[in-house]
Amino acid sequence: MTAWFVDANVFLRLLTLDDRGQHEKAARLFESARRGECRLVTGPPVLFEVAWTLRAAYKVPKDRVLEALSAVFAMPEMSLTDAALVAAALSLAAATGAEFADAYVAASGRAAECTGVATFNRKDFQKLGVSLAEL
């Protein structure tokens, strides 16, 4: 079966409807996957780019961005690399109000059994409940 790794711009066209032609092509790709004609895969860097673009370029509120990412995660036709970390990060971001990328860093550190996170972004990481390195 054909498998496609889906880039951020495909998700963005699907979510924003800002280019009707590309939106229709993206929708056809996902419909093809729903029918079992192909397999779709994506990963955390793509989700980070989607989240950042929705927040920065489209001014989408953080909670709506998390809803969009959760919808991608819930698609039965979509496989995610690092799915357990993505799930943990989505949960952590929703619970704390943190940005998805920061929550992913915190979840990754926990999964790797790290003592905490070394960051200069102390304010945002404190709400994630992780220990912070003294830098």
N, C-alpha and C. Protein backbone atom coordinates (compact mmCIF):
# COMPACT_ATOMS: atom_id res chain seq x y z
N MET A 1 0.85 -1.18 0.00
CA MET A 1 0.00 0.00 0.00
C MET A 1 0.89 1.24 0.00
N THR A 2 0.47 2.24 -0.72
CA THR A 2 1.18 3.51 -0.76
C THR A 2 1.05 4.21 0.58
N ALA A 3 2.14 4.78 1.06
CA ALA A 3 2.12 5.56 2.30
C ALA A 3 2.71 6.93 2.02
N TRP A 4 2.08 7.96 2.58
CA TRP A 4 2.54 9.33 2.40
C TRP A 4 2.80 9.96 3.76
N PHE A 5 3.97 10.60 3.90
CA PHE A 5 4.25 11.40 5.09
C PHE A 5 3.70 12.79 4.82
N VAL A 6 2.75 13.22 5.63
CA VAL A 6 2.00 14.46 5.37
C VAL A 6 2.71 15.65 6.02
N ASP A 7 2.97 16.67 5.21
CA ASP A 7 3.64 17.89 5.67
C ASP A 7 2.62 18.89 6.23
N ALA A 8 3.13 19.87 6.95
CA ALA A 8 2.29 20.86 7.61
C ALA A 8 1.38 21.62 6.65
N ASN A 9 1.88 21.96 5.46
CA ASN A 9 1.06 22.77 4.56
C ASN A 9 -0.21 22.04 4.12
N VAL A 10 -0.18 20.72 4.08
CA VAL A 10 -1.38 19.96 3.72
C VAL A 10 -2.42 20.09 4.84
N PHE A 11 -1.97 19.94 6.10
CA PHE A 11 -2.89 20.11 7.23
C PHE A 11 -3.43 21.54 7.26
N LEU A 12 -2.55 22.51 7.03
CA LEU A 12 -2.98 23.91 7.08
C LEU A 12 -4.02 24.22 6.01
N ARG A 13 -3.85 23.68 4.81
CA ARG A 13 -4.85 23.92 3.77
C ARG A 13 -6.18 23.27 4.16
N LEU A 14 -6.10 22.08 4.77
CA LEU A 14 -7.31 21.38 5.19
C LEU A 14 -8.03 22.16 6.30
N LEU A 15 -7.27 22.72 7.23
CA LEU A 15 -7.84 23.39 8.40
C LEU A 15 -8.27 24.83 8.13
N THR A 16 -7.57 25.53 7.25
CA THR A 16 -7.83 26.97 7.10
C THR A 16 -8.70 27.33 5.91
N LEU A 17 -8.80 26.46 4.94
CA LEU A 17 -9.61 26.73 3.74
C LEU A 17 -9.17 28.01 3.01
N ASP A 18 -7.92 28.41 3.17
CA ASP A 18 -7.48 29.67 2.56
C ASP A 18 -7.06 29.53 1.09
N ASP A 19 -7.00 28.30 0.61
CA ASP A 19 -6.72 28.05 -0.81
C ASP A 19 -7.64 26.91 -1.22
N ARG A 20 -8.74 27.25 -1.87
CA ARG A 20 -9.77 26.26 -2.18
C ARG A 20 -9.22 25.07 -2.98
N GLY A 21 -8.38 25.33 -3.98
CA GLY A 21 -7.83 24.25 -4.80
C GLY A 21 -6.98 23.29 -3.98
N GLN A 22 -6.09 23.84 -3.14
CA GLN A 22 -5.25 22.97 -2.31
C GLN A 22 -6.08 22.29 -1.22
N HIS A 23 -7.09 22.99 -0.71
CA HIS A 23 -7.98 22.37 0.28
C HIS A 23 -8.65 21.13 -0.31
N GLU A 24 -9.15 21.25 -1.52
CA GLU A 24 -9.83 20.11 -2.17
C GLU A 24 -8.86 18.95 -2.40
N LYS A 25 -7.63 19.25 -2.80
CA LYS A 25 -6.63 18.19 -3.00
C LYS A 25 -6.29 17.52 -1.68
N ALA A 26 -6.13 18.30 -0.61
CA ALA A 26 -5.84 17.73 0.70
C ALA A 26 -7.00 16.87 1.17
N ALA A 27 -8.22 17.35 0.98
CA ALA A 27 -9.41 16.59 1.38
C ALA A 27 -9.49 15.27 0.62
N ARG A 28 -9.14 15.29 -0.67
CA ARG A 28 -9.15 14.05 -1.46
C ARG A 28 -8.11 13.06 -0.93
N LEU A 29 -6.95 13.55 -0.54
CA LEU A 29 -5.93 12.67 0.02
C LEU A 29 -6.44 11.98 1.28
N PHE A 30 -7.05 12.75 2.18
CA PHE A 30 -7.57 12.17 3.42
C PHE A 30 -8.74 11.23 3.15
N GLU A 31 -9.57 11.55 2.19
CA GLU A 31 -10.68 10.66 1.83
C GLU A 31 -10.14 9.36 1.26
N SER A 32 -9.11 9.43 0.47
CA SER A 32 -8.47 8.23 -0.09
C SER A 32 -7.95 7.34 1.04
N ALA A 33 -7.37 7.97 2.05
CA ALA A 33 -6.88 7.20 3.21
C ALA A 33 -8.04 6.59 3.98
N ARG A 34 -9.13 7.33 4.14
CA ARG A 34 -10.31 6.79 4.84
C ARG A 34 -10.86 5.56 4.14
N ARG A 35 -10.74 5.54 2.82
CA ARG A 35 -11.22 4.38 2.04
C ARG A 35 -10.20 3.24 2.03
N GLY A 36 -9.07 3.43 2.68
CA GLY A 36 -8.04 2.39 2.74
C GLY A 36 -7.17 2.30 1.51
N GLU A 37 -7.18 3.31 0.68
CA GLU A 37 -6.39 3.29 -0.56
C GLU A 37 -4.94 3.69 -0.34
N CYS A 38 -4.66 4.36 0.76
CA CYS A 38 -3.29 4.73 1.09
C CYS A 38 -3.20 4.91 2.61
N ARG A 39 -2.00 5.03 3.08
CA ARG A 39 -1.75 5.22 4.51
C ARG A 39 -1.10 6.58 4.68
N LEU A 40 -1.50 7.32 5.72
CA LEU A 40 -0.94 8.64 5.99
C LEU A 40 -0.17 8.61 7.31
N VAL A 41 0.97 9.28 7.31
CA VAL A 41 1.84 9.33 8.49
C VAL A 41 2.28 10.78 8.66
N THR A 42 2.44 11.20 9.89
CA THR A 42 3.06 12.50 10.17
C THR A 42 3.77 12.40 11.50
N GLY A 43 4.47 13.46 11.88
CA GLY A 43 5.25 13.43 13.10
C GLY A 43 5.24 14.75 13.84
N PRO A 44 5.83 14.75 15.03
CA PRO A 44 5.83 15.94 15.88
C PRO A 44 6.33 17.22 15.21
N PRO A 45 7.43 17.19 14.44
CA PRO A 45 7.86 18.47 13.82
C PRO A 45 6.78 19.09 12.93
N VAL A 46 6.02 18.27 12.26
CA VAL A 46 4.92 18.77 11.42
C VAL A 46 3.85 19.40 12.31
N LEU A 47 3.52 18.74 13.41
CA LEU A 47 2.50 19.27 14.32
C LEU A 47 2.97 20.59 14.94
N PHE A 48 4.28 20.69 15.26
CA PHE A 48 4.82 21.95 15.79
C PHE A 48 4.62 23.07 14.78
N GLU A 49 4.92 22.78 13.52
CA GLU A 49 4.78 23.79 12.47
C GLU A 49 3.32 24.19 12.28
N VAL A 50 2.42 23.22 12.32
CA VAL A 50 1.00 23.53 12.21
C VAL A 50 0.57 24.43 13.38
N ALA A 51 0.96 24.06 14.59
CA ALA A 51 0.58 24.84 15.77
C ALA A 51 1.14 26.26 15.68
N TRP A 52 2.41 26.39 15.35
CA TRP A 52 3.03 27.71 15.28
C TRP A 52 2.36 28.56 14.21
N THR A 53 2.11 27.99 13.05
CA THR A 53 1.50 28.75 11.95
C THR A 53 0.08 29.18 12.30
N LEU A 54 -0.69 28.29 12.89
CA LEU A 54 -2.05 28.66 13.28
C LEU A 54 -2.03 29.80 14.30
N ARG A 55 -1.11 29.74 15.26
CA ARG A 55 -1.02 30.78 16.30
C ARG A 55 -0.48 32.09 15.72
N ALA A 56 0.63 32.01 14.98
CA ALA A 56 1.32 33.23 14.54
C ALA A 56 0.68 33.87 13.32
N ALA A 57 0.37 33.10 12.32
CA ALA A 57 -0.13 33.66 11.06
C ALA A 57 -1.64 33.83 11.04
N TYR A 58 -2.35 32.88 11.66
CA TYR A 58 -3.81 32.91 11.60
C TYR A 58 -4.45 33.41 12.90
N LYS A 59 -3.62 33.67 13.92
CA LYS A 59 -4.09 34.20 15.21
C LYS A 59 -5.16 33.32 15.85
N VAL A 60 -5.00 32.01 15.71
CA VAL A 60 -5.94 31.06 16.29
C VAL A 60 -5.62 30.93 17.78
N PRO A 61 -6.61 31.03 18.67
CA PRO A 61 -6.36 30.87 20.10
C PRO A 61 -5.77 29.49 20.43
N LYS A 62 -4.98 29.47 21.48
CA LYS A 62 -4.27 28.26 21.88
C LYS A 62 -5.19 27.06 22.05
N ASP A 63 -6.35 27.25 22.69
CA ASP A 63 -7.25 26.11 22.91
C ASP A 63 -7.79 25.55 21.59
N ARG A 64 -8.01 26.41 20.62
CA ARG A 64 -8.48 25.95 19.30
C ARG A 64 -7.38 25.21 18.55
N VAL A 65 -6.13 25.66 18.74
CA VAL A 65 -4.99 24.96 18.13
C VAL A 65 -4.90 23.55 18.70
N LEU A 66 -5.04 23.43 20.01
CA LEU A 66 -4.99 22.10 20.64
C LEU A 66 -6.13 21.22 20.14
N GLU A 67 -7.30 21.80 19.93
CA GLU A 67 -8.42 21.03 19.36
C GLU A 67 -8.08 20.53 17.97
N ALA A 68 -7.47 21.38 17.16
CA ALA A 68 -7.09 20.98 15.79
C ALA A 68 -6.06 19.86 15.82
N LEU A 69 -5.05 19.99 16.68
CA LEU A 69 -4.02 18.95 16.78
C LEU A 69 -4.62 17.65 17.31
N SER A 70 -5.52 17.76 18.27
CA SER A 70 -6.18 16.56 18.79
C SER A 70 -7.01 15.88 17.72
N ALA A 71 -7.64 16.67 16.85
CA ALA A 71 -8.43 16.10 15.75
C ALA A 71 -7.53 15.34 14.79
N VAL A 72 -6.35 15.89 14.50
CA VAL A 72 -5.39 15.19 13.64
C VAL A 72 -4.99 13.88 14.31
N PHE A 73 -4.69 13.94 15.60
CA PHE A 73 -4.26 12.77 16.36
C PHE A 73 -5.35 11.69 16.36
N ALA A 74 -6.61 12.11 16.36
CA ALA A 74 -7.73 11.16 16.44
C ALA A 74 -8.11 10.55 15.10
N MET A 75 -7.57 11.05 14.00
CA MET A 75 -7.94 10.52 12.68
C MET A 75 -7.51 9.06 12.56
N PRO A 76 -8.45 8.15 12.34
CA PRO A 76 -8.07 6.74 12.24
C PRO A 76 -7.15 6.45 11.05
N GLU A 77 -7.22 7.29 10.02
CA GLU A 77 -6.39 7.05 8.84
C GLU A 77 -4.98 7.64 8.98
N MET A 78 -4.68 8.28 10.12
CA MET A 78 -3.40 8.95 10.31
C MET A 78 -2.57 8.20 11.35
N SER A 79 -1.34 7.90 11.00
CA SER A 79 -0.39 7.33 11.96
C SER A 79 0.58 8.43 12.36
N LEU A 80 0.91 8.46 13.64
CA LEU A 80 1.85 9.46 14.14
C LEU A 80 3.11 8.79 14.64
N THR A 81 4.26 9.33 14.24
CA THR A 81 5.49 8.88 14.86
C THR A 81 5.48 9.47 16.27
N ASP A 82 6.01 8.76 17.22
CA ASP A 82 6.02 9.22 18.61
C ASP A 82 4.62 9.51 19.14
N ALA A 83 3.67 8.66 18.80
CA ALA A 83 2.27 8.89 19.17
C ALA A 83 2.07 9.03 20.67
N ALA A 84 2.77 8.23 21.47
CA ALA A 84 2.60 8.31 22.93
C ALA A 84 3.04 9.68 23.45
N LEU A 85 4.14 10.20 22.92
CA LEU A 85 4.61 11.52 23.35
C LEU A 85 3.66 12.62 22.88
N VAL A 86 3.12 12.49 21.69
CA VAL A 86 2.16 13.47 21.19
C VAL A 86 0.93 13.48 22.10
N ALA A 87 0.43 12.31 22.46
CA ALA A 87 -0.74 12.23 23.35
C ALA A 87 -0.44 12.87 24.70
N ALA A 88 0.72 12.56 25.27
CA ALA A 88 1.10 13.14 26.56
C ALA A 88 1.22 14.66 26.45
N ALA A 89 1.82 15.13 25.37
CA ALA A 89 1.99 16.58 25.19
C ALA A 89 0.65 17.29 25.01
N LEU A 90 -0.25 16.71 24.24
CA LEU A 90 -1.57 17.32 24.06
C LEU A 90 -2.31 17.41 25.39
N SER A 91 -2.23 16.35 26.17
CA SER A 91 -2.88 16.31 27.47
C SER A 91 -2.28 17.36 28.41
N LEU A 92 -0.97 17.42 28.45
CA LEU A 92 -0.26 18.36 29.31
C LEU A 92 -0.55 19.80 28.89
N ALA A 93 -0.54 20.07 27.61
CA ALA A 93 -0.82 21.42 27.12
C ALA A 93 -2.25 21.84 27.46
N ALA A 94 -3.19 20.92 27.29
CA ALA A 94 -4.59 21.22 27.60
C ALA A 94 -4.78 21.49 29.09
N ALA A 95 -4.08 20.73 29.92
CA ALA A 95 -4.22 20.86 31.37
C ALA A 95 -3.56 22.12 31.93
N THR A 96 -2.50 22.58 31.28
CA THR A 96 -1.71 23.69 31.83
C THR A 96 -1.83 24.99 31.05
N GLY A 97 -2.36 24.94 29.85
CA GLY A 97 -2.41 26.13 29.01
C GLY A 97 -1.10 26.43 28.32
N ALA A 98 -0.17 25.48 28.36
CA ALA A 98 1.14 25.67 27.73
C ALA A 98 1.03 25.51 26.22
N GLU A 99 2.04 26.01 25.52
CA GLU A 99 2.14 25.78 24.08
C GLU A 99 2.43 24.30 23.85
N PHE A 100 1.94 23.77 22.74
CA PHE A 100 2.14 22.36 22.42
C PHE A 100 3.61 21.99 22.37
N ALA A 101 4.45 22.81 21.73
CA ALA A 101 5.88 22.48 21.60
C ALA A 101 6.54 22.38 22.97
N ASP A 102 6.22 23.30 23.89
CA ASP A 102 6.80 23.24 25.23
C ASP A 102 6.31 22.00 25.97
N ALA A 103 5.04 21.68 25.83
CA ALA A 103 4.50 20.48 26.47
C ALA A 103 5.16 19.22 25.92
N TYR A 104 5.46 19.23 24.63
CA TYR A 104 6.15 18.08 24.02
C TYR A 104 7.55 17.93 24.59
N VAL A 105 8.25 19.04 24.78
CA VAL A 105 9.59 18.99 25.38
C VAL A 105 9.50 18.42 26.79
N ALA A 106 8.54 18.89 27.58
CA ALA A 106 8.38 18.39 28.95
C ALA A 106 8.03 16.90 28.95
N ALA A 107 7.11 16.49 28.10
CA ALA A 107 6.72 15.07 28.01
C ALA A 107 7.90 14.22 27.55
N SER A 108 8.69 14.73 26.63
CA SER A 108 9.87 13.99 26.15
C SER A 108 10.88 13.81 27.26
N GLY A 109 11.09 14.85 28.04
CA GLY A 109 12.02 14.75 29.17
C GLY A 109 11.56 13.72 30.18
N ARG A 110 10.28 13.72 30.46
CA ARG A 110 9.74 12.72 31.40
C ARG A 110 9.90 11.31 30.84
N ALA A 111 9.60 11.14 29.57
CA ALA A 111 9.72 9.82 28.95
C ALA A 111 11.16 9.33 28.94
N ALA A 112 12.10 10.25 28.84
CA ALA A 112 13.52 9.89 28.84
C ALA A 112 14.08 9.82 30.26
N GLU A 113 13.20 9.95 31.25
CA GLU A 113 13.56 9.88 32.67
C GLU A 113 14.60 10.93 33.04
N CYS A 114 14.45 12.13 32.47
CA CYS A 114 15.33 13.24 32.80
C CYS A 114 14.91 13.86 34.13
N THR A 115 15.85 14.47 34.80
CA THR A 115 15.57 15.17 36.04
C THR A 115 14.66 16.37 35.79
N GLY A 116 14.84 17.00 34.68
CA GLY A 116 14.04 18.17 34.33
C GLY A 116 14.45 18.70 32.98
N VAL A 117 14.23 20.00 32.78
CA VAL A 117 14.49 20.64 31.50
C VAL A 117 15.49 21.78 31.69
N ALA A 118 16.46 21.87 30.81
CA ALA A 118 17.38 23.00 30.77
C ALA A 118 16.85 23.97 29.73
N THR A 119 16.39 25.12 30.19
CA THR A 119 15.79 26.11 29.29
C THR A 119 15.94 27.50 29.88
N PHE A 120 15.95 28.49 29.02
CA PHE A 120 15.89 29.88 29.48
C PHE A 120 14.44 30.36 29.53
N ASN A 121 13.52 29.52 29.10
CA ASN A 121 12.09 29.83 29.06
C ASN A 121 11.43 29.36 30.36
N ARG A 122 11.93 29.86 31.47
CA ARG A 122 11.49 29.38 32.78
C ARG A 122 10.00 29.60 33.02
N LYS A 123 9.51 30.78 32.68
CA LYS A 123 8.11 31.13 32.96
C LYS A 123 7.15 30.12 32.35
N ASP A 124 7.35 29.79 31.08
CA ASP A 124 6.43 28.86 30.42
C ASP A 124 6.58 27.43 30.92
N PHE A 125 7.80 27.04 31.27
CA PHE A 125 8.01 25.66 31.70
C PHE A 125 7.61 25.43 33.15
N GLN A 126 7.61 26.47 33.99
CA GLN A 126 7.19 26.29 35.38
C GLN A 126 5.75 25.79 35.46
N LYS A 127 4.89 26.29 34.59
CA LYS A 127 3.50 25.85 34.64
C LYS A 127 3.32 24.40 34.19
N LEU A 128 4.36 23.83 33.57
CA LEU A 128 4.30 22.43 33.14
C LEU A 128 4.70 21.46 34.25
N GLY A 129 5.13 22.00 35.39
CA GLY A 129 5.44 21.16 36.54
C GLY A 129 6.72 20.35 36.40
N VAL A 130 7.67 20.85 35.63
CA VAL A 130 8.95 20.15 35.49
C VAL A 130 10.02 20.88 36.29
N SER A 131 11.01 20.13 36.76
CA SER A 131 12.16 20.74 37.40
C SER A 131 12.97 21.46 36.34
N LEU A 132 13.54 22.60 36.73
CA LEU A 132 14.31 23.40 35.78
C LEU A 132 15.76 23.48 36.21
N ALA A 133 16.66 23.31 35.26
CA ALA A 133 18.09 23.41 35.54
C ALA A 133 18.42 24.86 35.88
N GLU A 134 19.34 25.04 36.82
CA GLU A 134 19.82 26.38 37.15
C GLU A 134 20.83 26.78 36.09
N LEU A 135 20.47 27.70 35.25
CA LEU A 135 21.35 28.19 34.18
C LEU A 135 21.76 29.61 34.47
